[in-house]
Structure formats: C-alpha cells, structure tokens
Amino acid sequence: MNKPVVLITGALTGIGRATAIAFAKDGARLVVSGRRETEGKALETELRRLGAEASFIQADVRREDEVRELVDQTVARFGRIDAAVNSAGTEGQRGLVVDQTVESYAATFDTNVLGCCSA
C-alpha cells in the first residue's frame, strides 16, 4: 500500500498537532516539525504509538536554511512529500501594538507571513 508522506510545520501544538494525530490515525508517514526538541520527540513517540511511521525534525520556519534542510531530510527519508501542512504560527507578544518592540514584531511577521513561503 502506498501511504502518503506528510510534512507538518508547527506540529507541536494546536492545529498542527491535531493534524498530525489525524494523519497518523489514517496511516500516513509523517515528518513533524517545530522549535522545541523535547515536545517534538514526545509527539514523535505519540504518533508512533498510533502506528505511524513518524519523525520529528527541529526547525524554525523563520530560517530559510532550516526549512530547506527540513524538506531535504524528509525527501531523503521517504523519497517524496505528498502534502505539506504549514501550521507554524505565533501570537507574538501580548499587549498594545504601540508597545511592541521591533524584534517582537519582526519575529511574529517572519513566522506568520514569511514562514509559510520558505524553501
């Protein structure tokens, strides 16, 4: 049987996590990604317990080189990518817009706007 290969960014919480679990239950082969290794390895273990062939690769979508490496490692492992779910996102720093720092705004913009377009 030809199981789809799915790459999911922002897989550690929220929509990304729920999507990973749903694909795992449907038998997909998964690469899940996020910035936090401990949580990523825990998700990998959970997905494998559901019977999925799954790997966690730590990557930050704000860094084009990390996204390219994520794609390259996924293709190296499974030979292809059938679907990509770009669910990485951040709320940024809470508070008034006028109170945001340039760095905080840039991190939010880079993740939510540019992060889906890397590689």
C-alpha atoms as a PDB file:
ATOM      1  CA  MET A   1       0.000   0.000   0.000  1.00  0.00           C
ATOM      2  CA  ASN A   2       1.269   3.474  -0.868  1.00  0.00           C
ATOM      3  CA  LYS A   3       0.932   5.624   2.252  1.00  0.00           C
ATOM      4  CA  PRO A   4       1.136   9.409   1.800  1.00  0.00           C
ATOM      5  CA  VAL A   5       4.121  11.331   3.144  1.00  0.00           C
ATOM      6  CA  VAL A   6       3.060  14.432   5.064  1.00  0.00           C
ATOM      7  CA  LEU A   7       5.317  17.207   6.366  1.00  0.00           C
ATOM      8  CA  ILE A   8       3.815  19.383   9.105  1.00  0.00           C
ATOM      9  CA  THR A   9       5.383  22.570  10.469  1.00  0.00           C
ATOM     10  CA  GLY A  10       4.122  23.986  13.743  1.00  0.00           C
ATOM     11  CA  ALA A  11       3.169  20.447  14.732  1.00  0.00           C
ATOM     12  CA  LEU A  12       3.793  20.716  18.460  1.00  0.00           C
ATOM     13  CA  THR A  13       0.552  22.447  19.468  1.00  0.00           C
ATOM     14  CA  GLY A  14      -2.920  23.384  18.299  1.00  0.00           C
ATOM     15  CA  ILE A  15      -3.970  22.760  14.721  1.00  0.00           C
ATOM     16  CA  GLY A  16      -0.597  21.317  13.715  1.00  0.00           C
ATOM     17  CA  ARG A  17      -0.677  18.727  16.498  1.00  0.00           C
ATOM     18  CA  ALA A  18      -4.295  17.769  15.792  1.00  0.00           C
ATOM     19  CA  THR A  19      -3.476  17.430  12.099  1.00  0.00           C
ATOM     20  CA  ALA A  20      -0.502  15.186  12.838  1.00  0.00           C
ATOM     21  CA  ILE A  21      -2.613  12.914  15.022  1.00  0.00           C
ATOM     22  CA  ALA A  22      -5.368  12.731  12.391  1.00  0.00           C
ATOM     23  CA  PHE A  23      -2.890  11.830   9.635  1.00  0.00           C
ATOM     24  CA  ALA A  24      -1.239   9.252  11.914  1.00  0.00           C
ATOM     25  CA  LYS A  25      -4.589   7.579  12.551  1.00  0.00           C
ATOM     26  CA  ASP A  26      -5.140   7.450   8.784  1.00  0.00           C
ATOM     27  CA  GLY A  27      -1.805   5.696   8.282  1.00  0.00           C
ATOM     28  CA  ALA A  28       0.266   8.495   6.764  1.00  0.00           C
ATOM     29  CA  ARG A  29       4.036   8.623   7.080  1.00  0.00           C
ATOM     30  CA  LEU A  30       4.871  11.835   8.911  1.00  0.00           C
ATOM     31  CA  VAL A  31       7.601  14.338   9.492  1.00  0.00           C
ATOM     32  CA  VAL A  32       6.589  16.785  12.186  1.00  0.00           C
ATOM     33  CA  SER A  33       8.492  19.928  12.933  1.00  0.00           C
ATOM     34  CA  GLY A  34       8.708  22.691  15.490  1.00  0.00           C
ATOM     35  CA  ARG A  35      11.234  24.662  17.503  1.00  0.00           C
ATOM     36  CA  ARG A  36      11.214  22.675  20.766  1.00  0.00           C
ATOM     37  CA  GLU A  37      13.030  19.351  20.735  1.00  0.00           C
ATOM     38  CA  THR A  38      11.593  17.857  23.944  1.00  0.00           C
ATOM     39  CA  GLU A  39       7.991  18.406  22.846  1.00  0.00           C
ATOM     40  CA  GLY A  40       8.850  17.254  19.318  1.00  0.00           C
ATOM     41  CA  LYS A  41      10.328  13.963  20.462  1.00  0.00           C
ATOM     42  CA  ALA A  42       7.289  13.392  22.696  1.00  0.00           C
ATOM     43  CA  LEU A  43       4.977  13.946  19.719  1.00  0.00           C
ATOM     44  CA  GLU A  44       7.060  11.592  17.592  1.00  0.00           C
ATOM     45  CA  THR A  45       6.659   8.907  20.253  1.00  0.00           C
ATOM     46  CA  GLU A  46       2.898   9.523  20.472  1.00  0.00           C
ATOM     47  CA  LEU A  47       2.494   9.259  16.698  1.00  0.00           C
ATOM     48  CA  ARG A  48       4.471   6.028  16.613  1.00  0.00           C
ATOM     49  CA  ARG A  49       2.229   4.592  19.336  1.00  0.00           C
ATOM     50  CA  LEU A  50      -0.666   5.291  16.981  1.00  0.00           C
ATOM     51  CA  GLY A  51       1.098   3.089  14.430  1.00  0.00           C
ATOM     52  CA  ALA A  52       2.501   5.819  12.200  1.00  0.00           C
ATOM     53  CA  GLU A  53       5.973   5.927  10.775  1.00  0.00           C
ATOM     54  CA  ALA A  54       6.949   9.344  12.134  1.00  0.00           C
ATOM     55  CA  SER A  55       9.968  11.551  12.685  1.00  0.00           C
ATOM     56  CA  PHE A  56      10.491  14.867  14.418  1.00  0.00           C
ATOM     57  CA  ILE A  57      12.909  17.354  12.906  1.00  0.00           C
ATOM     58  CA  GLN A  58      13.608  20.539  14.818  1.00  0.00           C
ATOM     59  CA  ALA A  59      13.282  23.609  12.589  1.00  0.00           C
ATOM     60  CA  ASP A  60      12.307  27.264  12.797  1.00  0.00           C
ATOM     61  CA  VAL A  61      10.268  28.431   9.785  1.00  0.00           C
ATOM     62  CA  ARG A  62      11.829  31.886  10.139  1.00  0.00           C
ATOM     63  CA  ARG A  63      15.134  30.416   8.997  1.00  0.00           C
ATOM     64  CA  GLU A  64      15.189  29.506   5.323  1.00  0.00           C
ATOM     65  CA  ASP A  65      18.198  27.204   5.696  1.00  0.00           C
ATOM     66  CA  GLU A  66      16.393  25.183   8.380  1.00  0.00           C
ATOM     67  CA  VAL A  67      13.291  24.843   6.194  1.00  0.00           C
ATOM     68  CA  ARG A  68      15.399  23.699   3.240  1.00  0.00           C
ATOM     69  CA  GLU A  69      17.080  21.127   5.487  1.00  0.00           C
ATOM     70  CA  LEU A  70      13.675  20.002   6.785  1.00  0.00           C
ATOM     71  CA  VAL A  71      12.453  19.397   3.236  1.00  0.00           C
ATOM     72  CA  ASP A  72      15.714  17.704   2.225  1.00  0.00           C
ATOM     73  CA  GLN A  73      15.654  15.374   5.250  1.00  0.00           C
ATOM     74  CA  THR A  74      12.008  14.473   4.617  1.00  0.00           C
ATOM     75  CA  VAL A  75      12.714  13.587   0.981  1.00  0.00           C
ATOM     76  CA  ALA A  76      15.862  11.691   1.996  1.00  0.00           C
ATOM     77  CA  ARG A  77      13.880   9.591   4.447  1.00  0.00           C
ATOM     78  CA  PHE A  78      10.694   8.944   2.450  1.00  0.00           C
ATOM     79  CA  GLY A  79      11.650   9.733  -1.139  1.00  0.00           C
ATOM     80  CA  ARG A  80       8.982  12.384  -1.609  1.00  0.00           C
ATOM     81  CA  ILE A  81       6.490  14.746   0.035  1.00  0.00           C
ATOM     82  CA  ASP A  82       2.826  14.302  -0.892  1.00  0.00           C
ATOM     83  CA  ALA A  83       1.406  17.041   1.325  1.00  0.00           C
ATOM     84  CA  ALA A  84       2.740  19.895   3.413  1.00  0.00           C
ATOM     85  CA  VAL A  85       0.771  21.458   6.240  1.00  0.00           C
ATOM     86  CA  ASN A  86       2.265  24.815   7.130  1.00  0.00           C
ATOM     87  CA  SER A  87       0.685  25.471  10.508  1.00  0.00           C
ATOM     88  CA  ALA A  88       3.561  27.250  12.249  1.00  0.00           C
ATOM     89  CA  GLY A  89       2.371  30.494  13.768  1.00  0.00           C
ATOM     90  CA  THR A  90       2.649  32.725  16.773  1.00  0.00           C
ATOM     91  CA  GLU A  91       0.512  35.277  18.570  1.00  0.00           C
ATOM     92  CA  GLY A  92       3.571  37.317  19.357  1.00  0.00           C
ATOM     93  CA  GLN A  93       3.951  39.412  22.438  1.00  0.00           C
ATOM     94  CA  ARG A  94       0.640  40.292  24.085  1.00  0.00           C
ATOM     95  CA  GLY A  95      -0.208  43.928  24.503  1.00  0.00           C
ATOM     96  CA  LEU A  96      -0.792  47.083  22.532  1.00  0.00           C
ATOM     97  CA  VAL A  97       0.755  47.405  19.089  1.00  0.00           C
ATOM     98  CA  VAL A  98       2.449  50.628  20.133  1.00  0.00           C
ATOM     99  CA  ASP A  99       4.194  48.749  22.942  1.00  0.00           C
ATOM    100  CA  GLN A 100       5.730  46.101  20.648  1.00  0.00           C
ATOM    101  CA  THR A 101       9.442  46.100  20.009  1.00  0.00           C
ATOM    102  CA  VAL A 102      10.816  45.913  16.501  1.00  0.00           C
ATOM    103  CA  GLU A 103      12.233  42.484  17.342  1.00  0.00           C
ATOM    104  CA  SER A 104       8.892  41.167  18.622  1.00  0.00           C
ATOM    105  CA  TYR A 105       7.032  42.431  15.582  1.00  0.00           C
ATOM    106  CA  ALA A 106       9.653  41.031  13.204  1.00  0.00           C
ATOM    107  CA  ALA A 107       9.538  37.587  14.861  1.00  0.00           C
ATOM    108  CA  THR A 108       5.733  37.474  14.559  1.00  0.00           C
ATOM    109  CA  PHE A 109       5.764  38.715  10.951  1.00  0.00           C
ATOM    110  CA  ASP A 110       8.558  36.363   9.922  1.00  0.00           C
ATOM    111  CA  THR A 111       6.768  33.354  11.410  1.00  0.00           C
ATOM    112  CA  ASN A 112       3.198  34.088  10.348  1.00  0.00           C
ATOM    113  CA  VAL A 113       3.758  35.743   6.971  1.00  0.00           C
ATOM    114  CA  LEU A 114       7.146  34.716   5.611  1.00  0.00           C
ATOM    115  CA  GLY A 115       7.416  31.328   7.344  1.00  0.00           C
ATOM    116  CA  CYS A 116       4.950  29.660   5.017  1.00  0.00           C
ATOM    117  CA  CYS A 117       6.981  30.721   1.977  1.00  0.00           C
ATOM    118  CA  SER A 118      10.451  29.473   2.937  1.00  0.00           C
ATOM    119  CA  ALA A 119      12.156  26.987   0.640  1.00  0.00           C
END
